[in-house]
Amino acid sequence: MHHIYALFTPAAMIRLGVLGAGFSAGYSFASSHGSVQSILQTPTLTASQIAMNWDKVYTRGVKLVPPVAFVSSLAFLSAAYRFKGPLIATAFGISPKLQLNIAAGLLLCVFPWTYFRMLPGLQRLQAYSASAEKGALIDGPEAKGIIADVEDWHWANGVRALAFGGACVLGLTVL
């Protein structure tokens, strides 16, 4: 029975946090700068098609990244709480416990960033996508709005990728 506790050591929890933060960073970066960028640069796509393709990318990511980021933050917080090692300064000149708490904070700060900064554009894009799925033709100012919202999401999602990546680096340097 004592072997199961080895799964929950601070080092194991840090590894779990690093794995989740790294995955979230990579997935978010790939979504922003790979998938969405290629959608925006395809000249034959209409605004309706751009909205529908963006929605596919977003729907996949929203089902996966938030739970992974949340579990990773819990792993970092658990490791910080249970950390028994020497409290010598890490590569960043701070204690390991503080560094793990900062990593967890970076992962968690993505949720209010998404809610307050990104949600209005997300809701507009989802509405455009739903209309396009029903066959509505979107053109004129609405079409320009779709492009602007997708470009804004591209940038704002990149900020999330940076936060995830920062948490990953902070966790790695504690190991």
N, C-alpha and C. Protein backbone atom coordinates (compact mmCIF):
# COMPACT_ATOMS: atom_id res chain seq x y z
N MET A 1 0.82 -1.20 0.00
CA MET A 1 0.00 0.00 0.00
C MET A 1 0.86 1.26 0.00
N HIS A 2 2.09 1.17 0.56
CA HIS A 2 2.92 2.36 0.63
C HIS A 2 3.43 2.78 -0.74
N HIS A 3 3.37 1.91 -1.74
CA HIS A 3 3.85 2.26 -3.08
C HIS A 3 2.95 3.29 -3.75
N ILE A 4 1.68 3.29 -3.39
CA ILE A 4 0.77 4.25 -4.02
C ILE A 4 1.11 5.68 -3.60
N TYR A 5 1.68 5.84 -2.41
CA TYR A 5 2.05 7.18 -1.96
C TYR A 5 3.20 7.76 -2.77
N ALA A 6 3.99 6.89 -3.39
CA ALA A 6 5.09 7.37 -4.23
C ALA A 6 4.57 8.13 -5.45
N LEU A 7 3.33 7.86 -5.83
CA LEU A 7 2.73 8.57 -6.95
C LEU A 7 2.43 10.03 -6.61
N PHE A 8 2.33 10.33 -5.34
CA PHE A 8 1.92 11.67 -4.92
C PHE A 8 3.02 12.43 -4.19
N THR A 9 4.27 12.08 -4.44
CA THR A 9 5.37 12.83 -3.85
C THR A 9 5.42 14.21 -4.50
N PRO A 10 6.04 15.18 -3.83
CA PRO A 10 6.16 16.50 -4.46
C PRO A 10 6.83 16.45 -5.84
N ALA A 11 7.87 15.62 -5.99
CA ALA A 11 8.54 15.53 -7.29
C ALA A 11 7.60 14.99 -8.36
N ALA A 12 6.79 13.99 -8.00
CA ALA A 12 5.84 13.44 -8.98
C ALA A 12 4.77 14.47 -9.33
N MET A 13 4.33 15.23 -8.35
CA MET A 13 3.32 16.25 -8.61
C MET A 13 3.89 17.38 -9.47
N ILE A 14 5.15 17.73 -9.24
CA ILE A 14 5.79 18.75 -10.09
C ILE A 14 5.86 18.24 -11.52
N ARG A 15 6.24 16.98 -11.69
CA ARG A 15 6.31 16.41 -13.05
C ARG A 15 4.94 16.44 -13.73
N LEU A 16 3.90 16.11 -12.97
CA LEU A 16 2.55 16.16 -13.52
C LEU A 16 2.19 17.59 -13.92
N GLY A 17 2.52 18.55 -13.06
CA GLY A 17 2.26 19.95 -13.38
C GLY A 17 3.01 20.41 -14.61
N VAL A 18 4.28 20.03 -14.71
CA VAL A 18 5.09 20.40 -15.88
C VAL A 18 4.52 19.78 -17.14
N LEU A 19 4.15 18.51 -17.06
CA LEU A 19 3.58 17.83 -18.23
C LEU A 19 2.30 18.52 -18.71
N GLY A 20 1.40 18.82 -17.78
CA GLY A 20 0.15 19.48 -18.16
C GLY A 20 0.35 20.90 -18.66
N ALA A 21 1.24 21.64 -18.00
CA ALA A 21 1.50 23.02 -18.43
C ALA A 21 2.16 23.04 -19.80
N GLY A 22 3.10 22.12 -20.02
CA GLY A 22 3.76 22.04 -21.32
C GLY A 22 2.79 21.64 -22.42
N PHE A 23 1.92 20.68 -22.12
CA PHE A 23 0.91 20.28 -23.10
C PHE A 23 -0.01 21.45 -23.43
N SER A 24 -0.48 22.14 -22.40
CA SER A 24 -1.39 23.27 -22.61
C SER A 24 -0.72 24.37 -23.43
N ALA A 25 0.56 24.63 -23.14
CA ALA A 25 1.29 25.65 -23.90
C ALA A 25 1.41 25.25 -25.36
N GLY A 26 1.81 24.02 -25.59
CA GLY A 26 1.97 23.55 -26.97
C GLY A 26 0.67 23.53 -27.74
N TYR A 27 -0.39 23.05 -27.10
CA TYR A 27 -1.68 22.98 -27.77
C TYR A 27 -2.20 24.37 -28.10
N SER A 28 -2.08 25.28 -27.13
CA SER A 28 -2.56 26.65 -27.36
C SER A 28 -1.75 27.35 -28.44
N PHE A 29 -0.44 27.17 -28.39
CA PHE A 29 0.41 27.79 -29.40
C PHE A 29 0.10 27.23 -30.79
N ALA A 30 -0.07 25.91 -30.87
CA ALA A 30 -0.37 25.30 -32.16
C ALA A 30 -1.73 25.74 -32.69
N SER A 31 -2.70 25.88 -31.79
CA SER A 31 -4.03 26.35 -32.21
C SER A 31 -3.96 27.77 -32.75
N SER A 32 -3.25 28.63 -32.03
CA SER A 32 -3.17 30.04 -32.44
C SER A 32 -2.34 30.23 -33.69
N HIS A 33 -1.16 29.67 -33.68
CA HIS A 33 -0.20 29.99 -34.74
C HIS A 33 -0.11 28.93 -35.83
N GLY A 34 -0.82 27.85 -35.66
CA GLY A 34 -0.85 26.84 -36.69
C GLY A 34 -2.21 26.81 -37.36
N SER A 35 -3.17 26.26 -36.65
CA SER A 35 -4.50 26.06 -37.22
C SER A 35 -5.17 27.36 -37.63
N VAL A 36 -5.31 28.27 -36.68
CA VAL A 36 -6.05 29.51 -36.96
C VAL A 36 -5.30 30.37 -37.97
N GLN A 37 -3.99 30.40 -37.88
CA GLN A 37 -3.22 31.19 -38.84
C GLN A 37 -3.41 30.65 -40.26
N SER A 38 -3.44 29.33 -40.40
CA SER A 38 -3.64 28.77 -41.75
C SER A 38 -5.07 29.03 -42.24
N ILE A 39 -6.03 29.03 -41.33
CA ILE A 39 -7.41 29.36 -41.72
C ILE A 39 -7.47 30.80 -42.24
N LEU A 40 -6.83 31.71 -41.52
CA LEU A 40 -6.86 33.12 -41.92
C LEU A 40 -6.13 33.38 -43.23
N GLN A 41 -5.14 32.56 -43.53
CA GLN A 41 -4.33 32.80 -44.73
C GLN A 41 -4.81 32.03 -45.96
N THR A 42 -5.93 31.33 -45.83
CA THR A 42 -6.48 30.62 -46.98
C THR A 42 -7.40 31.58 -47.74
N PRO A 43 -6.99 32.03 -48.92
CA PRO A 43 -7.74 33.09 -49.61
C PRO A 43 -9.10 32.65 -50.14
N THR A 44 -9.32 31.36 -50.31
CA THR A 44 -10.59 30.91 -50.90
C THR A 44 -11.71 30.74 -49.88
N LEU A 45 -11.41 30.89 -48.58
CA LEU A 45 -12.44 30.71 -47.56
C LEU A 45 -13.28 31.97 -47.42
N THR A 46 -14.59 31.77 -47.33
CA THR A 46 -15.49 32.88 -47.05
C THR A 46 -15.48 33.15 -45.54
N ALA A 47 -16.07 34.26 -45.13
CA ALA A 47 -16.15 34.58 -43.70
C ALA A 47 -16.93 33.50 -42.95
N SER A 48 -17.97 32.96 -43.56
CA SER A 48 -18.75 31.89 -42.93
C SER A 48 -17.89 30.66 -42.71
N GLN A 49 -17.10 30.30 -43.71
CA GLN A 49 -16.22 29.14 -43.58
C GLN A 49 -15.13 29.37 -42.54
N ILE A 50 -14.63 30.59 -42.48
CA ILE A 50 -13.63 30.91 -41.46
C ILE A 50 -14.23 30.74 -40.07
N ALA A 51 -15.45 31.23 -39.88
CA ALA A 51 -16.11 31.11 -38.57
C ALA A 51 -16.34 29.64 -38.20
N MET A 52 -16.78 28.84 -39.16
CA MET A 52 -17.02 27.42 -38.88
C MET A 52 -15.72 26.68 -38.59
N ASN A 53 -14.67 26.96 -39.35
CA ASN A 53 -13.38 26.30 -39.11
C ASN A 53 -12.78 26.73 -37.78
N TRP A 54 -12.90 28.02 -37.44
CA TRP A 54 -12.42 28.48 -36.15
C TRP A 54 -13.16 27.76 -35.03
N ASP A 55 -14.48 27.60 -35.19
CA ASP A 55 -15.28 26.95 -34.16
C ASP A 55 -14.83 25.51 -33.93
N LYS A 56 -14.43 24.82 -34.98
CA LYS A 56 -13.93 23.45 -34.82
C LYS A 56 -12.65 23.43 -34.00
N VAL A 57 -11.74 24.34 -34.30
CA VAL A 57 -10.48 24.43 -33.55
C VAL A 57 -10.78 24.78 -32.09
N TYR A 58 -11.63 25.76 -31.87
CA TYR A 58 -11.96 26.21 -30.52
C TYR A 58 -12.65 25.11 -29.71
N THR A 59 -13.61 24.43 -30.32
CA THR A 59 -14.37 23.40 -29.61
C THR A 59 -13.47 22.27 -29.14
N ARG A 60 -12.52 21.87 -29.98
CA ARG A 60 -11.58 20.82 -29.55
C ARG A 60 -10.74 21.29 -28.37
N GLY A 61 -10.24 22.51 -28.46
CA GLY A 61 -9.36 23.02 -27.41
C GLY A 61 -10.06 23.27 -26.09
N VAL A 62 -11.29 23.76 -26.14
CA VAL A 62 -11.98 24.11 -24.90
C VAL A 62 -12.37 22.86 -24.11
N LYS A 63 -12.47 21.73 -24.78
CA LYS A 63 -12.78 20.48 -24.08
C LYS A 63 -11.55 19.89 -23.40
N LEU A 64 -10.38 20.27 -23.84
CA LEU A 64 -9.16 19.63 -23.39
C LEU A 64 -8.27 20.52 -22.52
N VAL A 65 -7.98 21.72 -22.97
CA VAL A 65 -6.97 22.55 -22.30
C VAL A 65 -7.40 23.03 -20.91
N PRO A 66 -8.60 23.56 -20.69
CA PRO A 66 -8.94 24.03 -19.34
C PRO A 66 -8.84 22.95 -18.25
N PRO A 67 -9.36 21.73 -18.48
CA PRO A 67 -9.19 20.72 -17.42
C PRO A 67 -7.73 20.36 -17.16
N VAL A 68 -6.94 20.26 -18.23
CA VAL A 68 -5.52 19.93 -18.07
C VAL A 68 -4.81 21.04 -17.29
N ALA A 69 -5.09 22.29 -17.63
CA ALA A 69 -4.45 23.42 -16.93
C ALA A 69 -4.87 23.45 -15.46
N PHE A 70 -6.13 23.16 -15.19
CA PHE A 70 -6.60 23.17 -13.80
C PHE A 70 -5.94 22.07 -12.99
N VAL A 71 -5.86 20.87 -13.54
CA VAL A 71 -5.20 19.76 -12.83
C VAL A 71 -3.72 20.07 -12.62
N SER A 72 -3.09 20.67 -13.60
CA SER A 72 -1.68 21.04 -13.46
C SER A 72 -1.48 22.06 -12.35
N SER A 73 -2.38 23.02 -12.25
CA SER A 73 -2.26 24.01 -11.17
C SER A 73 -2.44 23.34 -9.81
N LEU A 74 -3.37 22.40 -9.72
CA LEU A 74 -3.54 21.67 -8.45
C LEU A 74 -2.29 20.86 -8.12
N ALA A 75 -1.66 20.28 -9.14
CA ALA A 75 -0.44 19.52 -8.91
C ALA A 75 0.67 20.42 -8.38
N PHE A 76 0.84 21.60 -8.98
CA PHE A 76 1.86 22.53 -8.49
C PHE A 76 1.55 23.00 -7.06
N LEU A 77 0.28 23.28 -6.78
CA LEU A 77 -0.09 23.72 -5.43
C LEU A 77 0.14 22.61 -4.41
N SER A 78 -0.19 21.38 -4.78
CA SER A 78 0.04 20.24 -3.89
C SER A 78 1.53 20.05 -3.63
N ALA A 79 2.34 20.17 -4.68
CA ALA A 79 3.78 20.03 -4.51
C ALA A 79 4.34 21.14 -3.63
N ALA A 80 3.85 22.35 -3.80
CA ALA A 80 4.33 23.46 -2.98
C ALA A 80 3.96 23.24 -1.51
N TYR A 81 2.77 22.75 -1.27
CA TYR A 81 2.31 22.52 0.10
C TYR A 81 3.13 21.42 0.78
N ARG A 82 3.45 20.37 0.02
CA ARG A 82 4.13 19.21 0.60
C ARG A 82 5.64 19.23 0.42
N PHE A 83 6.17 20.30 -0.15
CA PHE A 83 7.61 20.36 -0.43
C PHE A 83 8.41 20.31 0.87
N LYS A 84 9.34 19.36 0.95
CA LYS A 84 10.15 19.19 2.16
C LYS A 84 11.64 19.41 1.89
N GLY A 85 11.97 19.70 0.66
CA GLY A 85 13.38 19.86 0.30
C GLY A 85 13.98 21.12 0.88
N PRO A 86 15.26 21.32 0.62
CA PRO A 86 15.90 22.55 1.10
C PRO A 86 15.31 23.77 0.41
N LEU A 87 15.15 24.82 1.15
CA LEU A 87 14.54 26.03 0.61
C LEU A 87 15.60 26.98 0.04
N ILE A 88 16.56 26.39 -0.66
CA ILE A 88 17.58 27.22 -1.31
C ILE A 88 16.96 27.85 -2.56
N ALA A 89 17.52 28.95 -2.96
CA ALA A 89 16.96 29.68 -4.10
C ALA A 89 17.09 28.86 -5.38
N THR A 90 16.08 28.95 -6.21
CA THR A 90 16.10 28.27 -7.51
C THR A 90 16.85 29.14 -8.51
N ALA A 91 16.82 28.74 -9.75
CA ALA A 91 17.51 29.50 -10.81
C ALA A 91 16.98 30.94 -10.91
N PHE A 92 15.75 31.16 -10.46
CA PHE A 92 15.16 32.50 -10.51
C PHE A 92 15.36 33.28 -9.22
N GLY A 93 16.10 32.69 -8.27
CA GLY A 93 16.42 33.40 -7.04
C GLY A 93 15.32 33.43 -6.01
N ILE A 94 14.33 32.56 -6.12
CA ILE A 94 13.24 32.51 -5.14
C ILE A 94 13.14 31.09 -4.59
N SER A 95 12.38 30.93 -3.53
CA SER A 95 12.25 29.60 -2.93
C SER A 95 11.41 28.69 -3.83
N PRO A 96 11.66 27.38 -3.77
CA PRO A 96 10.88 26.45 -4.59
C PRO A 96 9.38 26.53 -4.33
N LYS A 97 9.00 26.70 -3.06
CA LYS A 97 7.57 26.78 -2.74
C LYS A 97 6.92 27.98 -3.42
N LEU A 98 7.59 29.13 -3.34
CA LEU A 98 7.05 30.32 -3.98
C LEU A 98 7.00 30.15 -5.50
N GLN A 99 8.03 29.55 -6.05
CA GLN A 99 8.08 29.35 -7.49
C GLN A 99 6.95 28.43 -7.96
N LEU A 100 6.66 27.38 -7.20
CA LEU A 100 5.56 26.49 -7.56
C LEU A 100 4.21 27.19 -7.43
N ASN A 101 4.07 28.04 -6.42
CA ASN A 101 2.84 28.82 -6.29
C ASN A 101 2.66 29.79 -7.44
N ILE A 102 3.75 30.40 -7.88
CA ILE A 102 3.68 31.30 -9.03
C ILE A 102 3.29 30.53 -10.29
N ALA A 103 3.85 29.32 -10.45
CA ALA A 103 3.50 28.49 -11.61
C ALA A 103 2.01 28.17 -11.60
N ALA A 104 1.49 27.80 -10.43
CA ALA A 104 0.05 27.53 -10.32
C ALA A 104 -0.76 28.78 -10.63
N GLY A 105 -0.29 29.92 -10.14
CA GLY A 105 -0.98 31.19 -10.41
C GLY A 105 -1.01 31.53 -11.89
N LEU A 106 0.09 31.27 -12.58
CA LEU A 106 0.11 31.51 -14.03
C LEU A 106 -0.91 30.65 -14.75
N LEU A 107 -1.03 29.40 -14.32
CA LEU A 107 -2.03 28.52 -14.94
C LEU A 107 -3.45 29.00 -14.65
N LEU A 108 -3.67 29.43 -13.43
CA LEU A 108 -5.02 29.85 -13.04
C LEU A 108 -5.40 31.22 -13.59
N CYS A 109 -4.42 32.09 -13.84
CA CYS A 109 -4.74 33.43 -14.34
C CYS A 109 -5.32 33.39 -15.75
N VAL A 110 -5.17 32.27 -16.42
CA VAL A 110 -5.72 32.12 -17.76
C VAL A 110 -7.25 32.14 -17.73
N PHE A 111 -7.85 31.64 -16.66
CA PHE A 111 -9.30 31.58 -16.60
C PHE A 111 -9.95 32.96 -16.55
N PRO A 112 -9.52 33.87 -15.66
CA PRO A 112 -10.11 35.22 -15.73
C PRO A 112 -9.73 35.96 -17.01
N TRP A 113 -8.53 35.73 -17.55
CA TRP A 113 -8.14 36.35 -18.82
C TRP A 113 -9.13 35.94 -19.92
N THR A 114 -9.45 34.66 -19.94
CA THR A 114 -10.38 34.17 -20.95
C THR A 114 -11.77 34.77 -20.73
N TYR A 115 -12.22 34.79 -19.49
CA TYR A 115 -13.57 35.26 -19.20
C TYR A 115 -13.72 36.75 -19.47
N PHE A 116 -12.82 37.55 -18.96
CA PHE A 116 -12.99 39.00 -19.07
C PHE A 116 -12.48 39.57 -20.39
N ARG A 117 -11.40 39.02 -20.92
CA ARG A 117 -10.80 39.61 -22.12
C ARG A 117 -11.31 38.96 -23.41
N MET A 118 -11.50 37.66 -23.38
CA MET A 118 -11.77 36.94 -24.62
C MET A 118 -13.24 36.57 -24.85
N LEU A 119 -14.03 36.48 -23.79
CA LEU A 119 -15.39 35.96 -23.91
C LEU A 119 -16.29 36.71 -24.89
N PRO A 120 -16.30 38.04 -24.93
CA PRO A 120 -17.19 38.71 -25.89
C PRO A 120 -16.91 38.29 -27.34
N GLY A 121 -15.65 38.23 -27.72
CA GLY A 121 -15.30 37.80 -29.07
C GLY A 121 -15.63 36.34 -29.32
N LEU A 122 -15.42 35.51 -28.30
CA LEU A 122 -15.76 34.09 -28.42
C LEU A 122 -17.25 33.90 -28.68
N GLN A 123 -18.06 34.63 -27.95
CA GLN A 123 -19.51 34.51 -28.12
C GLN A 123 -19.95 34.99 -29.50
N ARG A 124 -19.37 36.07 -29.98
CA ARG A 124 -19.71 36.54 -31.33
C ARG A 124 -19.32 35.50 -32.38
N LEU A 125 -18.12 34.96 -32.26
CA LEU A 125 -17.66 33.97 -33.23
C LEU A 125 -18.52 32.71 -33.20
N GLN A 126 -18.93 32.29 -32.02
CA GLN A 126 -19.79 31.11 -31.92
C GLN A 126 -21.16 31.39 -32.55
N ALA A 127 -21.68 32.60 -32.37
CA ALA A 127 -22.96 32.96 -33.00
C ALA A 127 -22.82 32.99 -34.51
N TYR A 128 -21.72 33.56 -35.02
CA TYR A 128 -21.48 33.56 -36.47
C TYR A 128 -21.38 32.14 -37.00
N SER A 129 -20.67 31.30 -36.27
CA SER A 129 -20.50 29.92 -36.71
C SER A 129 -21.84 29.18 -36.74
N ALA A 130 -22.66 29.39 -35.71
CA ALA A 130 -23.98 28.74 -35.67
C ALA A 130 -24.85 29.21 -36.84
N SER A 131 -24.80 30.50 -37.16
CA SER A 131 -25.57 31.01 -38.31
C SER A 131 -25.06 30.41 -39.61
N ALA A 132 -23.74 30.34 -39.73
CA ALA A 132 -23.16 29.79 -40.95
C ALA A 132 -23.50 28.31 -41.11
N GLU A 133 -23.54 27.58 -40.00
CA GLU A 133 -23.91 26.16 -40.06
C GLU A 133 -25.34 25.99 -40.58
N LYS A 134 -26.20 26.96 -40.29
CA LYS A 134 -27.59 26.90 -40.76
C LYS A 134 -27.75 27.40 -42.18
N GLY A 135 -26.64 27.82 -42.79
CA GLY A 135 -26.68 28.25 -44.18
C GLY A 135 -26.74 29.74 -44.41
N ALA A 136 -26.65 30.53 -43.36
CA ALA A 136 -26.70 31.99 -43.52
C ALA A 136 -25.43 32.47 -44.23
N LEU A 137 -25.61 33.40 -45.14
CA LEU A 137 -24.48 34.00 -45.84
C LEU A 137 -24.05 35.24 -45.07
N ILE A 138 -22.82 35.26 -44.65
CA ILE A 138 -22.30 36.38 -43.86
C ILE A 138 -21.38 37.19 -44.75
N ASP A 139 -21.73 38.48 -44.93
CA ASP A 139 -20.87 39.34 -45.74
C ASP A 139 -20.93 40.77 -45.22
N GLY A 140 -20.19 41.64 -45.83
CA GLY A 140 -20.18 43.05 -45.43
C GLY A 140 -19.47 43.26 -44.11
N PRO A 141 -20.04 44.14 -43.26
CA PRO A 141 -19.39 44.46 -41.99
C PRO A 141 -19.27 43.25 -41.06
N GLU A 142 -20.25 42.34 -41.13
CA GLU A 142 -20.18 41.14 -40.30
C GLU A 142 -18.98 40.29 -40.68
N ALA A 143 -18.72 40.19 -41.97
CA ALA A 143 -17.57 39.40 -42.44
C ALA A 143 -16.27 39.99 -41.91
N LYS A 144 -16.17 41.31 -41.94
CA LYS A 144 -14.97 41.96 -41.40
C LYS A 144 -14.88 41.75 -39.89
N GLY A 145 -16.05 41.71 -39.23
CA GLY A 145 -16.07 41.45 -37.79
C GLY A 145 -15.56 40.05 -37.45
N ILE A 146 -15.91 39.08 -38.29
CA ILE A 146 -15.43 37.72 -38.08
C ILE A 146 -13.91 37.68 -38.17
N ILE A 147 -13.38 38.28 -39.21
CA ILE A 147 -11.92 38.29 -39.39
C ILE A 147 -11.25 38.98 -38.21
N ALA A 148 -11.80 40.12 -37.78
CA ALA A 148 -11.22 40.86 -36.65
C ALA A 148 -11.28 40.04 -35.37
N ASP A 149 -12.40 39.35 -35.13
CA ASP A 149 -12.53 38.54 -33.92
C ASP A 149 -11.59 37.33 -33.94
N VAL A 150 -11.43 36.70 -35.09
CA VAL A 150 -10.51 35.56 -35.19
C VAL A 150 -9.07 36.03 -34.99
N GLU A 151 -8.72 37.17 -35.57
CA GLU A 151 -7.37 37.71 -35.37
C GLU A 151 -7.14 38.09 -33.90
N ASP A 152 -8.16 38.63 -33.25
CA ASP A 152 -8.04 38.97 -31.84
C ASP A 152 -7.89 37.70 -31.00
N TRP A 153 -8.66 36.66 -31.32
CA TRP A 153 -8.55 35.40 -30.60
C TRP A 153 -7.15 34.82 -30.78
N HIS A 154 -6.63 34.92 -31.99
CA HIS A 154 -5.28 34.43 -32.31
C HIS A 154 -4.26 35.05 -31.36
N TRP A 155 -4.33 36.37 -31.18
CA TRP A 155 -3.40 37.07 -30.31
C TRP A 155 -3.64 36.72 -28.84
N ALA A 156 -4.90 36.78 -28.40
CA ALA A 156 -5.22 36.56 -26.99
C ALA A 156 -4.94 35.12 -26.57
N ASN A 157 -5.14 34.16 -27.47
CA ASN A 157 -4.82 32.78 -27.17
C ASN A 157 -3.31 32.58 -27.09
N GLY A 158 -2.57 33.37 -27.84
CA GLY A 158 -1.11 33.34 -27.73
C GLY A 158 -0.64 33.78 -26.36
N VAL A 159 -1.34 34.74 -25.76
CA VAL A 159 -1.01 35.17 -24.39
C VAL A 159 -1.22 34.01 -23.43
N ARG A 160 -2.30 33.26 -23.62
CA ARG A 160 -2.52 32.09 -22.77
C ARG A 160 -1.39 31.08 -22.93
N ALA A 161 -0.95 30.86 -24.16
CA ALA A 161 0.16 29.93 -24.40
C ALA A 161 1.41 30.38 -23.66
N LEU A 162 1.67 31.69 -23.63
CA LEU A 162 2.83 32.20 -22.88
C LEU A 162 2.70 31.94 -21.39
N ALA A 163 1.50 32.11 -20.84
CA ALA A 163 1.30 31.84 -19.41
C ALA A 163 1.52 30.36 -19.12
N PHE A 164 0.98 29.49 -19.96
CA PHE A 164 1.19 28.05 -19.78
C PHE A 164 2.67 27.70 -19.88
N GLY A 165 3.34 28.27 -20.86
CA GLY A 165 4.77 28.01 -21.03
C GLY A 165 5.60 28.51 -19.86
N GLY A 166 5.24 29.68 -19.33
CA GLY A 166 5.93 30.20 -18.15
C GLY A 166 5.78 29.28 -16.96
N ALA A 167 4.58 28.75 -16.76
CA ALA A 167 4.35 27.81 -15.66
C ALA A 167 5.18 26.55 -15.84
N CYS A 168 5.28 26.08 -17.07
CA CYS A 168 6.08 24.89 -17.36
C CYS A 168 7.55 25.14 -17.01
N VAL A 169 8.09 26.26 -17.42
CA VAL A 169 9.50 26.59 -17.14
C VAL A 169 9.73 26.73 -15.64
N LEU A 170 8.81 27.38 -14.95
CA LEU A 170 8.96 27.53 -13.50
C LEU A 170 8.96 26.17 -12.80
N GLY A 171 8.08 25.28 -13.24
CA GLY A 171 8.05 23.94 -12.65
C GLY A 171 9.32 23.15 -12.96
N LEU A 172 9.78 23.24 -14.19
CA LEU A 172 11.00 22.51 -14.58
C LEU A 172 12.21 22.94 -13.77
N THR A 173 12.32 24.22 -13.50
CA THR A 173 13.52 24.70 -12.80
C THR A 173 13.50 24.38 -11.30
N VAL A 174 12.38 23.90 -10.79
CA VAL A 174 12.35 23.44 -9.40
C VAL A 174 12.88 22.01 -9.32
N LEU A 175 12.66 21.23 -10.36
CA LEU A 175 13.12 19.84 -10.34
C LEU A 175 14.59 19.78 -10.28
